[in-house]
N, C-alpha and C. Protein backbone atom coordinates (compact mmCIF):
# COMPACT_ATOMS: atom_id res chain seq x y z
N UNK A 1 0.59 -1.11 -0.19
CA UNK A 1 0.02 -0.04 0.21
C UNK A 1 0.78 1.33 -0.44
N UNK A 2 0.42 1.90 -1.29
CA UNK A 2 1.36 3.14 -0.81
C UNK A 2 0.80 4.16 -0.36
N UNK A 3 1.37 4.92 0.40
CA UNK A 3 0.90 6.16 1.26
C UNK A 3 2.21 7.79 0.98
N UNK A 4 1.43 8.78 1.14
CA UNK A 4 2.11 10.01 1.11
C UNK A 4 1.70 10.34 2.59
N UNK A 5 2.92 10.97 2.79
CA UNK A 5 2.73 11.57 3.99
C UNK A 5 2.87 13.12 3.94
N UNK A 6 1.91 13.88 5.18
CA UNK A 6 1.81 15.21 5.08
C UNK A 6 2.76 15.64 5.24
N UNK A 7 2.89 17.43 4.80
CA UNK A 7 3.75 18.30 5.22
C UNK A 7 3.92 18.17 6.75
N UNK A 8 5.05 18.38 7.21
CA UNK A 8 5.17 18.56 8.71
C UNK A 8 4.55 19.93 9.53
N UNK A 9 4.01 20.39 8.52
CA UNK A 9 3.02 21.81 9.01
C UNK A 9 1.96 21.31 9.35
N UNK A 10 1.22 20.34 8.92
CA UNK A 10 -0.19 19.87 9.02
C UNK A 10 -0.72 19.25 10.76
N UNK A 11 -1.71 19.47 10.91
CA UNK A 11 -2.03 18.96 12.21
C UNK A 11 -2.46 17.19 11.94
N UNK A 12 -1.53 16.69 12.83
CA UNK A 12 -1.93 15.63 12.49
C UNK A 12 -3.23 15.35 13.97
N UNK A 13 -4.07 14.36 13.09
CA UNK A 13 -4.70 13.75 14.14
C UNK A 13 -4.59 12.72 15.55
N UNK A 14 -5.11 13.27 16.64
CA UNK A 14 -4.50 12.10 17.90
C UNK A 14 -5.01 10.95 17.34
N UNK A 15 -4.41 9.42 17.96
CA UNK A 15 -5.01 8.12 18.08
C UNK A 15 -6.27 8.21 18.79
N UNK A 16 -6.54 8.87 19.59
CA UNK A 16 -8.17 9.02 20.12
C UNK A 16 -8.97 9.40 19.22
N UNK A 17 -8.85 10.41 18.33
CA UNK A 17 -9.78 11.17 17.78
C UNK A 17 -9.89 9.94 16.47
N UNK A 18 -8.89 9.39 15.80
CA UNK A 18 -9.33 8.42 14.75
C UNK A 18 -10.17 7.37 15.04
N UNK A 19 -9.35 6.84 16.42
CA UNK A 19 -10.21 5.86 16.82
C UNK A 19 -11.70 6.00 17.37
N UNK A 20 -11.78 7.32 17.76
CA UNK A 20 -13.27 7.48 18.10
C UNK A 20 -14.31 7.34 16.63
N UNK A 21 -13.86 8.01 15.55
CA UNK A 21 -14.15 8.51 14.77
C UNK A 21 -14.60 7.52 14.03
N UNK A 22 -13.47 6.22 13.67
CA UNK A 22 -13.51 5.34 12.58
C UNK A 22 -14.08 3.78 13.50
N UNK A 23 -13.14 3.60 14.00
CA UNK A 23 -13.63 2.37 14.76
C UNK A 23 -15.21 1.52 14.80
N UNK A 24 -16.06 2.39 14.86
CA UNK A 24 -17.38 1.93 14.31
C UNK A 24 -18.10 1.32 13.29
N UNK A 25 -17.45 2.50 11.91
CA UNK A 25 -17.50 1.79 10.91
C UNK A 25 -17.06 1.04 10.45
N UNK A 26 -15.53 0.64 10.74
CA UNK A 26 -14.92 -0.33 10.35
C UNK A 26 -15.22 -1.92 11.12
N UNK A 27 -15.78 -1.94 12.03
CA UNK A 27 -16.28 -2.95 12.76
C UNK A 27 -17.21 -3.23 12.10
N UNK A 28 -18.53 -2.44 11.54
CA UNK A 28 -19.63 -2.58 11.11
C UNK A 28 -19.35 -3.37 9.88
N UNK A 29 -18.04 -3.02 8.83
CA UNK A 29 -17.73 -3.30 7.49
C UNK A 29 -17.43 -4.74 7.92
N UNK A 30 -16.62 -5.03 8.47
CA UNK A 30 -15.87 -6.60 8.94
C UNK A 30 -17.35 -7.44 9.39
N UNK A 31 -18.26 -6.72 10.09
CA UNK A 31 -19.08 -7.38 10.47
C UNK A 31 -19.95 -8.27 9.05
N UNK A 32 -20.05 -7.12 8.53
CA UNK A 32 -21.02 -7.64 6.77
C UNK A 32 -19.84 -8.78 5.95
N UNK A 33 -18.39 -8.77 6.04
CA UNK A 33 -17.35 -9.84 5.71
C UNK A 33 -17.40 -10.64 6.30
N UNK A 34 -17.69 -11.19 7.96
CA UNK A 34 -17.54 -12.04 8.24
C UNK A 34 -18.73 -12.70 8.71
N UNK A 35 -19.99 -12.02 8.73
CA UNK A 35 -20.92 -12.25 9.34
C UNK A 35 -20.93 -12.75 11.13
N UNK A 36 -19.90 -12.50 11.93
CA UNK A 36 -19.46 -12.53 13.16
C UNK A 36 -19.26 -10.95 13.93
N UNK A 37 -19.84 -10.82 14.43
CA UNK A 37 -19.49 -9.50 14.96
C UNK A 37 -18.65 -9.75 16.33
N UNK A 38 -18.38 -10.46 16.83
CA UNK A 38 -17.45 -10.88 17.68
C UNK A 38 -15.94 -10.92 16.88
N UNK A 39 -16.28 -11.55 16.15
CA UNK A 39 -14.95 -11.68 14.97
C UNK A 39 -14.03 -9.93 14.47
N UNK A 40 -15.73 -10.05 13.66
CA UNK A 40 -15.30 -8.06 13.14
C UNK A 40 -14.75 -6.98 14.46
N UNK A 41 -15.12 -7.46 15.93
CA UNK A 41 -15.09 -6.47 16.30
C UNK A 41 -12.97 -6.50 16.99
N UNK A 42 -12.64 -7.95 17.00
CA UNK A 42 -11.92 -8.61 17.26
C UNK A 42 -10.44 -8.02 16.12
N UNK A 43 -11.24 -7.82 15.09
CA UNK A 43 -10.08 -7.68 13.95
C UNK A 43 -9.92 -6.14 13.92
N UNK A 44 -10.89 -5.38 14.10
CA UNK A 44 -11.07 -4.11 14.27
C UNK A 44 -9.99 -3.69 15.57
N UNK A 45 -10.39 -4.37 16.49
CA UNK A 45 -9.05 -3.79 17.57
C UNK A 45 -7.53 -4.38 17.27
N UNK A 46 -7.58 -5.18 16.98
CA UNK A 46 -6.27 -5.77 16.47
C UNK A 46 -5.44 -4.53 15.52
N UNK A 47 -6.28 -3.79 14.53
CA UNK A 47 -5.96 -3.15 13.27
C UNK A 47 -5.58 -2.25 14.26
N UNK A 48 -6.42 -1.90 14.83
CA UNK A 48 -5.87 -0.10 15.73
C UNK A 48 -4.61 -0.48 16.58
N UNK A 49 -4.69 -1.78 17.35
CA UNK A 49 -3.32 -1.82 17.92
C UNK A 49 -2.22 -1.82 16.93
N UNK A 50 -2.35 -2.21 16.30
CA UNK A 50 -1.44 -2.02 15.20
C UNK A 50 -0.67 -1.21 14.68
N UNK A 51 -2.12 -0.30 14.51
CA UNK A 51 -1.26 1.79 14.50
C UNK A 51 -1.12 2.28 15.62
N UNK A 52 -1.28 1.69 16.42
CA UNK A 52 -1.18 2.66 17.78
C UNK A 52 0.44 2.40 17.59
N UNK A 53 1.07 1.33 17.87
CA UNK A 53 2.63 0.89 17.62
C UNK A 53 3.46 1.74 17.05
N UNK A 54 2.54 1.77 15.36
CA UNK A 54 3.35 2.96 14.76
C UNK A 54 2.76 4.43 15.06
N UNK A 55 2.33 4.94 15.41
CA UNK A 55 1.41 6.16 15.35
C UNK A 55 2.29 6.73 14.56
N UNK A 56 3.08 7.40 15.50
CA UNK A 56 3.80 8.75 14.89
C UNK A 56 4.27 8.63 13.71
N UNK A 57 4.31 7.46 13.14
CA UNK A 57 5.00 7.67 11.48
C UNK A 57 3.15 7.47 10.80
N UNK A 58 2.17 6.73 11.28
CA UNK A 58 0.69 6.68 10.42
C UNK A 58 0.21 7.80 10.42
N UNK A 59 0.53 8.64 11.99
CA UNK A 59 -0.31 10.03 11.76
C UNK A 59 -0.01 10.59 10.86
N UNK A 60 1.47 10.98 10.03
CA UNK A 60 1.73 11.40 9.20
C UNK A 60 0.84 11.41 7.57
N UNK A 61 0.35 10.20 7.63
CA UNK A 61 0.02 10.13 6.66
C UNK A 61 -1.11 10.59 5.95
N UNK A 62 -1.74 10.82 4.39
CA UNK A 62 -2.97 11.58 4.09
C UNK A 62 -4.11 11.24 4.86
N UNK A 63 -4.86 9.77 4.77
CA UNK A 63 -5.59 9.06 5.48
C UNK A 63 -4.76 7.96 6.11
N UNK A 64 -4.65 7.98 7.69
CA UNK A 64 -4.58 6.97 8.39
C UNK A 64 -5.25 5.93 8.64
N UNK A 65 -6.84 6.50 8.16
CA UNK A 65 -7.86 5.40 8.71
C UNK A 65 -7.60 4.36 7.51
N UNK A 66 -7.42 4.76 6.36
CA UNK A 66 -6.69 3.94 5.04
C UNK A 66 -5.80 2.73 5.53
N UNK A 67 -4.72 3.33 6.21
CA UNK A 67 -3.87 2.28 6.56
C UNK A 67 -4.34 1.46 7.26
N UNK A 68 -5.51 1.58 8.59
CA UNK A 68 -5.78 0.78 9.50
C UNK A 68 -6.93 -0.09 8.74
N UNK A 69 -8.20 0.41 7.91
CA UNK A 69 -8.64 -0.18 7.06
C UNK A 69 -8.16 -1.11 6.58
N UNK A 70 -6.81 -1.15 5.61
CA UNK A 70 -6.28 -1.94 5.00
C UNK A 70 -5.69 -2.93 5.53
N UNK A 71 -5.26 -3.19 6.47
CA UNK A 71 -4.73 -4.18 7.87
C UNK A 71 -5.83 -4.48 8.38
N UNK A 72 -6.74 -4.23 8.44
CA UNK A 72 -7.89 -5.43 8.87
C UNK A 72 -8.41 -6.06 7.80
N UNK A 73 -8.58 -5.45 6.49
CA UNK A 73 -9.06 -6.39 5.37
C UNK A 73 -7.98 -7.24 5.51
N UNK A 74 -6.95 -7.33 5.48
CA UNK A 74 -5.83 -8.56 5.25
C UNK A 74 -6.02 -9.01 6.80
N UNK A 75 -6.20 -8.94 7.86
CA UNK A 75 -6.38 -9.53 8.86
C UNK A 75 -7.65 -10.57 8.65
N UNK A 76 -8.74 -9.88 8.22
CA UNK A 76 -9.81 -10.69 8.01
C UNK A 76 -9.91 -11.65 6.94
N UNK A 77 -9.45 -11.33 5.79
CA UNK A 77 -8.78 -12.38 4.93
C UNK A 77 -7.87 -13.19 5.50
N UNK A 78 -7.02 -13.13 6.68
CA UNK A 78 -6.20 -14.16 6.97
C UNK A 78 -7.34 -14.90 7.84
N UNK A 79 -8.22 -14.31 8.44
CA UNK A 79 -8.76 -15.07 9.61
C UNK A 79 -9.95 -16.20 9.22
N UNK A 80 -10.06 -15.26 7.42
CA UNK A 80 -11.61 -16.14 6.93
C UNK A 80 -10.22 -17.31 6.20
N UNK A 81 -9.66 -17.24 5.85
CA UNK A 81 -8.86 -18.53 5.35
C UNK A 81 -8.34 -19.44 6.40
N UNK A 82 -8.22 -19.05 7.37
CA UNK A 82 -8.01 -19.99 8.38
C UNK A 82 -9.29 -21.16 8.70
N UNK A 83 -10.21 -19.99 8.87
CA UNK A 83 -11.82 -20.65 9.42
C UNK A 83 -12.32 -21.71 8.22
N UNK A 84 -12.12 -21.13 6.87
CA UNK A 84 -12.06 -22.13 5.95
C UNK A 84 -11.42 -23.78 5.87
N UNK A 85 -9.96 -23.52 6.21
CA UNK A 85 -9.11 -24.33 6.43
C UNK A 85 -9.81 -25.26 7.74
N UNK A 86 -10.06 -24.86 8.60
CA UNK A 86 -10.43 -25.14 10.10
C UNK A 86 -11.74 -26.00 9.59
N UNK A 87 -12.84 -25.29 8.82
CA UNK A 87 -14.27 -25.79 9.19
C UNK A 87 -13.92 -27.13 7.88
N UNK A 88 -13.65 -27.03 6.42
CA UNK A 88 -13.04 -28.17 5.98
C UNK A 88 -12.61 -29.52 6.48
N UNK A 89 -11.23 -29.44 7.53
CA UNK A 89 -11.14 -30.36 8.76
C UNK A 89 -12.31 -31.16 9.70
N UNK A 90 -13.21 -29.77 9.97
CA UNK A 90 -13.95 -30.25 10.80
C UNK A 90 -15.08 -31.25 9.70
N UNK A 91 -15.14 -30.58 8.85
CA UNK A 91 -16.45 -31.38 7.91
C UNK A 91 -15.94 -33.12 7.55
N UNK A 92 -14.48 -32.97 7.51
CA UNK A 92 -13.90 -34.67 7.38
C UNK A 92 -14.06 -35.31 8.71
N UNK A 93 -14.61 -34.67 9.71
CA UNK A 93 -14.22 -35.41 10.77
C UNK A 93 -15.62 -35.33 11.74
N UNK A 94 -16.64 -35.22 10.92
CA UNK A 94 -18.18 -34.79 11.42
C UNK A 94 -18.63 -36.12 11.73
N UNK A 95 -19.72 -36.31 13.07
CA UNK A 95 -20.00 -37.45 13.59
C UNK A 95 -21.70 -36.78 13.56
N UNK A 96 -22.47 -38.04 13.98
CA UNK A 96 -23.97 -38.03 13.91
C UNK A 96 -24.32 -37.19 15.15
N UNK A 97 -24.20 -36.30 15.49
CA UNK A 97 -24.46 -35.64 17.04
C UNK A 97 -25.16 -34.81 16.30
N UNK A 98 -26.63 -34.77 17.24
CA UNK A 98 -27.53 -33.81 17.23
C UNK A 98 -27.59 -32.53 16.93
N UNK A 99 -27.87 -31.66 16.05
CA UNK A 99 -27.30 -30.03 15.15
C UNK A 99 -28.13 -29.27 16.73
N UNK A 100 -27.27 -28.12 16.94
CA UNK A 100 -27.89 -26.83 17.83
C UNK A 100 -28.48 -26.02 17.04
N UNK A 101 -29.85 -25.37 17.20
CA UNK A 101 -30.14 -24.43 16.70
C UNK A 101 -28.89 -23.03 15.82
N UNK A 102 -29.27 -22.73 14.82
CA UNK A 102 -28.31 -21.91 14.57
C UNK A 102 -29.01 -20.66 13.74
N UNK A 103 -28.21 -19.81 13.17
CA UNK A 103 -28.37 -18.51 12.39
C UNK A 103 -29.85 -19.00 11.28
N UNK A 104 -30.37 -17.89 11.01
CA UNK A 104 -31.77 -18.30 10.54
C UNK A 104 -31.17 -18.97 8.75
N UNK A 105 -32.16 -19.20 8.60
CA UNK A 105 -31.62 -19.43 6.89
C UNK A 105 -31.65 -18.73 6.02
N UNK A 106 -32.23 -17.22 5.94
CA UNK A 106 -31.91 -16.04 5.08
C UNK A 106 -30.50 -15.65 5.17
N UNK A 107 -30.21 -15.55 6.62
CA UNK A 107 -28.54 -15.24 6.85
C UNK A 107 -27.44 -16.08 6.83
N UNK A 108 -28.12 -17.22 6.85
CA UNK A 108 -26.76 -18.17 6.21
C UNK A 108 -26.76 -17.56 4.79
N UNK A 109 -27.88 -18.48 4.39
CA UNK A 109 -28.04 -17.85 2.69
C UNK A 109 -27.46 -16.81 2.32
N UNK A 110 -27.43 -15.55 2.83
CA UNK A 110 -26.93 -14.50 2.41
C UNK A 110 -25.39 -14.41 2.40
N UNK A 111 -25.01 -14.99 3.46
CA UNK A 111 -23.46 -15.04 4.57
C UNK A 111 -22.80 -15.87 2.93
N UNK A 112 -23.37 -16.99 2.87
CA UNK A 112 -22.49 -18.11 1.99
C UNK A 112 -22.99 -17.42 0.64
N UNK A 113 -23.39 -16.67 0.19
CA UNK A 113 -23.95 -16.00 -1.42
C UNK A 113 -22.40 -15.29 -0.94
N UNK A 114 -22.22 -14.14 0.04
CA UNK A 114 -21.63 -13.40 -0.01
C UNK A 114 -19.57 -14.13 -0.01
N UNK A 115 -19.67 -15.02 0.85
CA UNK A 115 -18.79 -15.95 0.43
C UNK A 115 -17.89 -16.75 -0.69
N UNK A 116 -18.88 -16.38 -1.84
CA UNK A 116 -18.73 -17.14 -3.21
C UNK A 116 -18.20 -16.17 -3.63
N UNK A 117 -18.40 -14.40 -3.62
CA UNK A 117 -18.37 -13.95 -4.42
C UNK A 117 -16.77 -13.91 -4.45
N UNK A 118 -15.91 -12.94 -5.66
CA UNK A 118 -14.37 -12.95 -5.79
C UNK A 118 -14.16 -11.82 -4.08
N UNK A 119 -13.13 -11.60 -4.09
CA UNK A 119 -12.84 -10.91 -2.67
C UNK A 119 -12.92 -8.95 -3.39
N UNK A 120 -12.68 -8.92 -4.55
CA UNK A 120 -13.15 -7.46 -4.90
C UNK A 120 -14.10 -7.13 -4.84
N UNK A 121 -14.96 -8.13 -5.46
CA UNK A 121 -16.37 -7.93 -5.43
C UNK A 121 -16.95 -7.57 -4.11
N UNK A 122 -17.05 -8.81 -2.99
CA UNK A 122 -17.57 -8.64 -1.69
C UNK A 122 -17.27 -7.42 -1.19
N UNK A 123 -15.79 -7.06 -1.10
CA UNK A 123 -15.62 -5.92 -0.35
C UNK A 123 -16.44 -4.58 -0.87
N UNK A 124 -16.40 -4.57 -2.44
CA UNK A 124 -17.23 -3.61 -2.85
C UNK A 124 -18.93 -3.35 -2.37
N UNK A 125 -19.21 -4.70 -2.05
CA UNK A 125 -20.59 -4.74 -2.06
C UNK A 125 -20.91 -4.44 -0.27
N UNK A 126 -20.21 -4.48 0.05
CA UNK A 126 -19.91 -4.29 1.86
C UNK A 126 -19.53 -2.81 1.82
N UNK A 127 -18.82 -2.42 0.95
CA UNK A 127 -18.48 -0.95 1.70
C UNK A 127 -19.63 -0.25 0.84
N UNK A 128 -20.62 -0.38 -0.01
CA UNK A 128 -21.57 0.14 -0.63
C UNK A 128 -22.84 0.17 0.33
N UNK A 129 -23.31 -1.09 0.68
CA UNK A 129 -24.31 -1.50 0.95
C UNK A 129 -24.45 -1.36 2.65
N UNK A 130 -23.26 -1.97 3.07
CA UNK A 130 -22.78 -2.21 4.83
C UNK A 130 -22.45 -1.00 5.54
N UNK A 131 -21.05 -0.06 4.18
CA UNK A 131 -21.19 1.20 5.11
C UNK A 131 -21.52 2.44 4.49
N UNK A 132 -22.18 1.94 3.71
CA UNK A 132 -22.80 3.32 2.81
C UNK A 132 -22.08 4.03 1.97
N UNK A 133 -20.64 3.45 1.71
CA UNK A 133 -19.73 4.32 1.01
C UNK A 133 -20.39 4.96 -0.32
N UNK A 134 -19.95 5.89 -1.34
CA UNK A 134 -20.41 5.91 -2.59
C UNK A 134 -19.12 5.16 -3.75
N UNK A 135 -19.89 5.53 -4.64
CA UNK A 135 -18.62 4.52 -5.12
C UNK A 135 -17.25 5.51 -5.81
N UNK A 136 -17.28 6.51 -5.53
CA UNK A 136 -16.52 7.49 -5.61
C UNK A 136 -15.22 7.05 -4.50
N UNK A 137 -16.17 7.12 -3.36
CA UNK A 137 -15.20 6.67 -1.98
C UNK A 137 -14.06 5.54 -1.83
N UNK A 138 -15.19 4.32 -2.43
CA UNK A 138 -14.59 2.98 -2.70
C UNK A 138 -13.85 3.12 -3.57
N UNK A 139 -13.80 3.51 -4.77
CA UNK A 139 -12.94 3.78 -5.86
C UNK A 139 -11.70 4.47 -5.07
N UNK A 140 -11.88 5.34 -4.81
CA UNK A 140 -10.43 6.06 -3.85
C UNK A 140 -9.70 5.03 -2.89
N UNK A 141 -10.36 4.58 -1.97
CA UNK A 141 -9.83 3.40 -1.03
C UNK A 141 -9.50 2.44 -2.02
N UNK A 142 -9.88 1.85 -2.81
CA UNK A 142 -9.49 0.78 -3.52
C UNK A 142 -8.04 0.76 -4.20
N UNK A 143 -8.42 2.52 -4.31
CA UNK A 143 -7.39 2.61 -5.76
C UNK A 143 -7.58 2.04 -6.94
N UNK A 144 -8.72 1.99 -7.52
CA UNK A 144 -9.40 1.48 -8.76
C UNK A 144 -10.28 2.58 -9.29
N UNK A 145 -10.34 3.02 -11.07
CA UNK A 145 -11.56 3.55 -11.36
C UNK A 145 -12.67 3.39 -10.89
N UNK A 146 -13.57 4.26 -10.87
CA UNK A 146 -15.07 4.55 -10.71
C UNK A 146 -15.71 3.11 -11.30
N UNK A 147 -15.42 3.25 -12.82
CA UNK A 147 -15.98 2.00 -13.85
C UNK A 147 -15.63 0.72 -12.92
N UNK A 148 -14.23 0.35 -12.38
CA UNK A 148 -14.16 -0.67 -12.22
C UNK A 148 -14.81 -1.01 -10.82
N UNK A 149 -15.29 0.18 -9.79
CA UNK A 149 -16.13 -0.20 -8.76
C UNK A 149 -17.45 -0.36 -9.16
N UNK A 150 -18.24 0.30 -9.98
CA UNK A 150 -19.17 0.08 -10.64
C UNK A 150 -19.73 -1.49 -10.99
N UNK A 151 -18.26 -2.02 -12.07
CA UNK A 151 -18.30 -3.52 -12.73
C UNK A 151 -18.57 -3.99 -11.65
N UNK A 152 -17.71 -4.41 -10.43
CA UNK A 152 -17.94 -5.15 -9.58
C UNK A 152 -18.88 -5.14 -8.63
N UNK A 153 -19.56 -4.11 -8.37
CA UNK A 153 -21.26 -3.67 -7.85
C UNK A 153 -22.04 -5.04 -8.82
N UNK A 154 -22.07 -4.31 -10.01
CA UNK A 154 -23.15 -4.94 -10.97
C UNK A 154 -22.61 -5.91 -10.82
N UNK A 155 -21.48 -7.01 -11.32
CA UNK A 155 -21.33 -8.36 -11.01
C UNK A 155 -21.75 -8.94 -9.62
N UNK A 156 -21.45 -8.01 -8.44
CA UNK A 156 -21.53 -9.13 -7.33
C UNK A 156 -23.11 -8.99 -7.01
N UNK A 157 -23.87 -8.19 -7.51
CA UNK A 157 -25.25 -8.05 -7.18
C UNK A 157 -25.88 -9.14 -8.25
N UNK A 158 -25.91 -9.21 -9.33
CA UNK A 158 -26.04 -10.36 -10.29
C UNK A 158 -25.77 -11.74 -9.49
N UNK A 159 -24.47 -11.93 -9.15
CA UNK A 159 -23.81 -13.11 -8.92
C UNK A 159 -24.90 -13.42 -7.15
N UNK A 160 -25.17 -12.39 -6.31
CA UNK A 160 -26.03 -12.36 -5.48
C UNK A 160 -27.34 -13.05 -5.42
N UNK A 161 -27.61 -12.31 -6.27
CA UNK A 161 -29.36 -12.57 -7.21
C UNK A 161 -29.39 -13.78 -7.55
N UNK A 162 -28.58 -14.47 -8.08
CA UNK A 162 -28.49 -15.98 -8.97
C UNK A 162 -28.24 -16.57 -7.72
N UNK A 163 -27.40 -16.67 -6.67
CA UNK A 163 -27.09 -17.57 -5.86
C UNK A 163 -28.80 -17.06 -5.15
N UNK A 164 -28.83 -16.36 -4.47
CA UNK A 164 -30.09 -16.82 -3.65
C UNK A 164 -31.81 -16.73 -4.09
N UNK A 165 -31.55 -17.14 -5.71
CA UNK A 165 -32.78 -17.25 -6.38
C UNK A 165 -32.48 -18.64 -6.85
N UNK A 166 -31.50 -19.61 -6.22
CA UNK A 166 -31.53 -21.01 -6.31
C UNK A 166 -30.62 -20.87 -7.40
N UNK A 167 -29.76 -20.50 -8.14
CA UNK A 167 -28.70 -20.54 -8.77
C UNK A 167 -27.44 -20.79 -8.29
N UNK A 168 -26.59 -21.10 -8.71
CA UNK A 168 -25.25 -21.34 -8.31
C UNK A 168 -24.06 -19.88 -9.05
N UNK A 169 -23.28 -19.44 -8.52
CA UNK A 169 -22.33 -19.02 -8.73
C UNK A 169 -21.75 -19.16 -9.97
C-alpha cells in the first residue's frame, strides 16, 4: 500500500480521535464480511492496536484510517482463510451428533452467497451497502477507477441475486 505523508506543518490527528471516529464504521464493514460481530470487533481492535504501535509515522499519512482499514481487511482475509481450512477439517471429522439451532436460513444463505463472491466484489458490496460509501469513495479507497467499482457492484449484485434465487455462482 503506497501512502504519502503530510507536510510537517499540517496538524496530525490524535490516535484517540481517529479511533473514536472510525472504529464503529470499520467494525460494521468487517461484520458484513465475517458475519460474526465478535470476530469483526476483534479484527478492528487488532488493526487499531497495530496502528497505535506505529502511530508516530501513521499519523503523518494523508489518510491514516486507510492504513488501519487495509490492515483490518488483510487480517480479515487471513482469518477467513484459517476458518475455511478449519471448517474443511471439521467436515471431514463430522459425527452424527444432534445439531443445535443456528442462524436463520436467510442469514446463512446471504453469508454463503457473499462468501462465494470474488474478494473485490465482496468488498465492494460490503463497503457500498453496509458502510454506505459512495462509488467514488470505494474507488479511492481501493485505488481503482470508478468504472471498476461499478463493474464489481453490478457483477456482485447479479451473482448474489442468482445465488439467492436458487442458482449458483
